[in-house]
Amino acid sequence: MYTTELHNERIAQMTFVYVYLIYLVKIMRKGRTELELLLIIEWLTGYNASEIKWLIAEKVNFQEFFEKAHLHPNAHKITGMICGYRIEELENAITRQVRYLDKLIDELAKGKTLEKVMR
């Protein structure tokens, strides 16, 4: 799917802490916990809870966040629509990886079990 360079750059420069807080509010409204959020991020990126807290404190952007991450080997199996984009069609790697995370958080908020979210 086509996205503009401006769109991709904007996504890459967003700070992880900003989006993390949005994710946290979203899932907590649905009765989920911060621990579940951390587990999903760890599954996708390989970062443990203390590393995630450090990344938050350092206010890293998504480009830095995903450049240092070790994506789960099954991350490419995350498909579907999120934010109006079909994930598997996104060409820009950072944008696609951010949408992977968005999709997992969305599934958690919709009530899927951790086992189903973490394919």
C-alpha atoms as a PDB file:
ATOM      1  CA  MET A   1       0.000   0.000   0.000  1.00  0.00           C
ATOM      2  CA  TYR A   2       1.255   3.430  -0.858  1.00  0.00           C
ATOM      3  CA  THR A   3       2.131   5.927   1.851  1.00  0.00           C
ATOM      4  CA  THR A   4       3.883   9.226   1.253  1.00  0.00           C
ATOM      5  CA  GLU A   5       7.431   9.902   2.380  1.00  0.00           C
ATOM      6  CA  LEU A   6       6.071  12.637   4.636  1.00  0.00           C
ATOM      7  CA  HIS A   7       3.710  10.151   6.292  1.00  0.00           C
ATOM      8  CA  ASN A   8       6.522   7.618   6.775  1.00  0.00           C
ATOM      9  CA  GLU A   9       8.862  10.255   8.196  1.00  0.00           C
ATOM     10  CA  ARG A  10       6.195  11.499  10.587  1.00  0.00           C
ATOM     11  CA  ILE A  11       5.614   7.953  11.874  1.00  0.00           C
ATOM     12  CA  ALA A  12       9.370   7.340  12.251  1.00  0.00           C
ATOM     13  CA  GLN A  13       9.873  10.537  14.260  1.00  0.00           C
ATOM     14  CA  MET A  14       6.988   9.978  16.693  1.00  0.00           C
ATOM     15  CA  THR A  15       8.287   9.344  20.188  1.00  0.00           C
ATOM     16  CA  PHE A  16       7.603   5.907  21.587  1.00  0.00           C
ATOM     17  CA  VAL A  17       6.573   7.315  24.980  1.00  0.00           C
ATOM     18  CA  TYR A  18       3.784   9.374  23.389  1.00  0.00           C
ATOM     19  CA  VAL A  19       2.276   6.341  21.679  1.00  0.00           C
ATOM     20  CA  TYR A  20       2.941   4.056  24.653  1.00  0.00           C
ATOM     21  CA  LEU A  21       0.764   6.272  26.838  1.00  0.00           C
ATOM     22  CA  ILE A  22      -2.028   6.171  24.236  1.00  0.00           C
ATOM     23  CA  TYR A  23      -1.773   2.374  24.104  1.00  0.00           C
ATOM     24  CA  LEU A  24      -1.865   2.175  27.890  1.00  0.00           C
ATOM     25  CA  VAL A  25      -5.004   4.307  28.211  1.00  0.00           C
ATOM     26  CA  LYS A  26      -6.689   2.342  25.413  1.00  0.00           C
ATOM     27  CA  ILE A  27      -6.124  -1.081  26.939  1.00  0.00           C
ATOM     28  CA  MET A  28      -6.790  -0.030  30.535  1.00  0.00           C
ATOM     29  CA  ARG A  29     -10.214   1.320  29.523  1.00  0.00           C
ATOM     30  CA  LYS A  30     -10.935  -2.215  28.323  1.00  0.00           C
ATOM     31  CA  GLY A  31      -9.829  -3.822  31.588  1.00  0.00           C
ATOM     32  CA  ARG A  32      -6.373  -4.918  30.437  1.00  0.00           C
ATOM     33  CA  THR A  33      -3.124  -4.267  32.324  1.00  0.00           C
ATOM     34  CA  GLU A  34       0.181  -2.555  31.718  1.00  0.00           C
ATOM     35  CA  LEU A  35       1.882  -5.915  32.241  1.00  0.00           C
ATOM     36  CA  GLU A  36      -0.039  -7.306  29.253  1.00  0.00           C
ATOM     37  CA  LEU A  37       1.056  -4.310  27.187  1.00  0.00           C
ATOM     38  CA  LEU A  38       4.682  -4.880  28.177  1.00  0.00           C
ATOM     39  CA  LEU A  39       4.427  -8.582  27.319  1.00  0.00           C
ATOM     40  CA  ILE A  40       3.122  -7.807  23.841  1.00  0.00           C
ATOM     41  CA  ILE A  41       5.842  -5.240  23.195  1.00  0.00           C
ATOM     42  CA  GLU A  42       8.441  -7.716  24.464  1.00  0.00           C
ATOM     43  CA  TRP A  43       7.069 -10.472  22.219  1.00  0.00           C
ATOM     44  CA  LEU A  44       7.188  -8.262  19.117  1.00  0.00           C
ATOM     45  CA  THR A  45      10.446  -6.392  19.740  1.00  0.00           C
ATOM     46  CA  GLY A  46      12.547  -8.497  22.091  1.00  0.00           C
ATOM     47  CA  TYR A  47      12.826  -5.624  24.582  1.00  0.00           C
ATOM     48  CA  ASN A  48      12.257  -6.651  28.202  1.00  0.00           C
ATOM     49  CA  ALA A  49      10.292  -4.484  30.657  1.00  0.00           C
ATOM     50  CA  SER A  50      13.339  -2.623  31.989  1.00  0.00           C
ATOM     51  CA  GLU A  51      14.552  -1.877  28.448  1.00  0.00           C
ATOM     52  CA  ILE A  52      11.105  -0.593  27.513  1.00  0.00           C
ATOM     53  CA  LYS A  53      11.085   1.693  30.563  1.00  0.00           C
ATOM     54  CA  TRP A  54      14.551   2.957  29.579  1.00  0.00           C
ATOM     55  CA  LEU A  55      13.372   3.642  26.001  1.00  0.00           C
ATOM     56  CA  ILE A  56      10.431   5.560  27.427  1.00  0.00           C
ATOM     57  CA  ALA A  57      12.686   7.614  29.719  1.00  0.00           C
ATOM     58  CA  GLU A  58      15.056   8.375  26.836  1.00  0.00           C
ATOM     59  CA  LYS A  59      12.131   9.462  24.629  1.00  0.00           C
ATOM     60  CA  VAL A  60      13.363   7.507  21.632  1.00  0.00           C
ATOM     61  CA  ASN A  61      11.471   7.855  18.387  1.00  0.00           C
ATOM     62  CA  PHE A  62      10.012   4.905  16.501  1.00  0.00           C
ATOM     63  CA  GLN A  63      12.903   4.800  14.044  1.00  0.00           C
ATOM     64  CA  GLU A  64      15.427   4.315  16.862  1.00  0.00           C
ATOM     65  CA  PHE A  65      13.034   1.986  18.672  1.00  0.00           C
ATOM     66  CA  PHE A  66      12.634  -0.421  15.754  1.00  0.00           C
ATOM     67  CA  GLU A  67      16.203  -0.155  14.438  1.00  0.00           C
ATOM     68  CA  LYS A  68      17.455  -1.646  17.712  1.00  0.00           C
ATOM     69  CA  ALA A  69      14.595  -4.126  18.147  1.00  0.00           C
ATOM     70  CA  HIS A  70      14.808  -7.823  17.334  1.00  0.00           C
ATOM     71  CA  LEU A  71      11.443  -8.483  15.716  1.00  0.00           C
ATOM     72  CA  HIS A  72       9.797 -11.775  16.492  1.00  0.00           C
ATOM     73  CA  PRO A  73      10.218 -14.274  13.619  1.00  0.00           C
ATOM     74  CA  ASN A  74       6.422 -14.455  13.279  1.00  0.00           C
ATOM     75  CA  ALA A  75       5.919 -10.687  13.036  1.00  0.00           C
ATOM     76  CA  HIS A  76       5.361 -10.993   9.285  1.00  0.00           C
ATOM     77  CA  LYS A  77       2.245 -13.047  10.060  1.00  0.00           C
ATOM     78  CA  ILE A  78       0.535  -9.975  11.518  1.00  0.00           C
ATOM     79  CA  THR A  79      -1.912  -8.976   8.809  1.00  0.00           C
ATOM     80  CA  GLY A  80      -5.125  -7.061   8.413  1.00  0.00           C
ATOM     81  CA  MET A  81      -6.303  -3.494   8.453  1.00  0.00           C
ATOM     82  CA  ILE A  82      -5.207  -0.893  10.971  1.00  0.00           C
ATOM     83  CA  CYS A  83      -5.605   2.880  10.693  1.00  0.00           C
ATOM     84  CA  GLY A  84      -6.936   2.461   7.160  1.00  0.00           C
ATOM     85  CA  TYR A  85      -3.894   0.545   5.895  1.00  0.00           C
ATOM     86  CA  ARG A  86      -3.476  -3.120   5.049  1.00  0.00           C
ATOM     87  CA  ILE A  87      -0.375  -3.990   7.076  1.00  0.00           C
ATOM     88  CA  GLU A  88       1.063  -6.581   4.719  1.00  0.00           C
ATOM     89  CA  GLU A  89       1.018  -4.078   1.843  1.00  0.00           C
ATOM     90  CA  LEU A  90       3.010  -1.331   3.590  1.00  0.00           C
ATOM     91  CA  GLU A  91       6.356  -0.872   1.863  1.00  0.00           C
ATOM     92  CA  ASN A  92       8.182   1.238   4.447  1.00  0.00           C
ATOM     93  CA  ALA A  93       9.676  -1.026   7.130  1.00  0.00           C
ATOM     94  CA  ILE A  94       9.321   1.365  10.080  1.00  0.00           C
ATOM     95  CA  THR A  95       5.727   2.230   9.206  1.00  0.00           C
ATOM     96  CA  ARG A  96       4.899  -1.478   8.810  1.00  0.00           C
ATOM     97  CA  GLN A  97       6.521  -2.310  12.177  1.00  0.00           C
ATOM     98  CA  VAL A  98       4.620   0.466  13.952  1.00  0.00           C
ATOM     99  CA  ARG A  99       1.404  -0.861  12.422  1.00  0.00           C
ATOM    100  CA  TYR A 100       2.300  -4.370  13.648  1.00  0.00           C
ATOM    101  CA  LEU A 101       2.401  -2.952  17.156  1.00  0.00           C
ATOM    102  CA  ASP A 102      -0.813  -0.981  16.619  1.00  0.00           C
ATOM    103  CA  LYS A 103      -2.578  -4.139  15.434  1.00  0.00           C
ATOM    104  CA  LEU A 104      -1.440  -6.192  18.428  1.00  0.00           C
ATOM    105  CA  ILE A 105      -2.564  -3.513  20.879  1.00  0.00           C
ATOM    106  CA  ASP A 106      -5.891  -3.195  19.071  1.00  0.00           C
ATOM    107  CA  GLU A 107      -6.445  -6.948  19.342  1.00  0.00           C
ATOM    108  CA  LEU A 108      -5.598  -6.867  23.059  1.00  0.00           C
ATOM    109  CA  ALA A 109      -8.059  -4.015  23.607  1.00  0.00           C
ATOM    110  CA  LYS A 110     -10.753  -5.959  21.744  1.00  0.00           C
ATOM    111  CA  GLY A 111     -10.480  -8.777  24.247  1.00  0.00           C
ATOM    112  CA  LYS A 112      -8.290 -11.359  22.535  1.00  0.00           C
ATOM    113  CA  THR A 113      -6.211 -13.513  24.842  1.00  0.00           C
ATOM    114  CA  LEU A 114      -2.475 -12.934  25.027  1.00  0.00           C
ATOM    115  CA  GLU A 115      -1.919 -16.342  23.417  1.00  0.00           C
ATOM    116  CA  LYS A 116      -3.970 -15.326  20.369  1.00  0.00           C
ATOM    117  CA  VAL A 117      -2.411 -11.870  20.131  1.00  0.00           C
ATOM    118  CA  MET A 118       1.117 -13.282  20.334  1.00  0.00           C
ATOM    119  CA  ARG A 119       0.822 -15.590  17.341  1.00  0.00           C
END
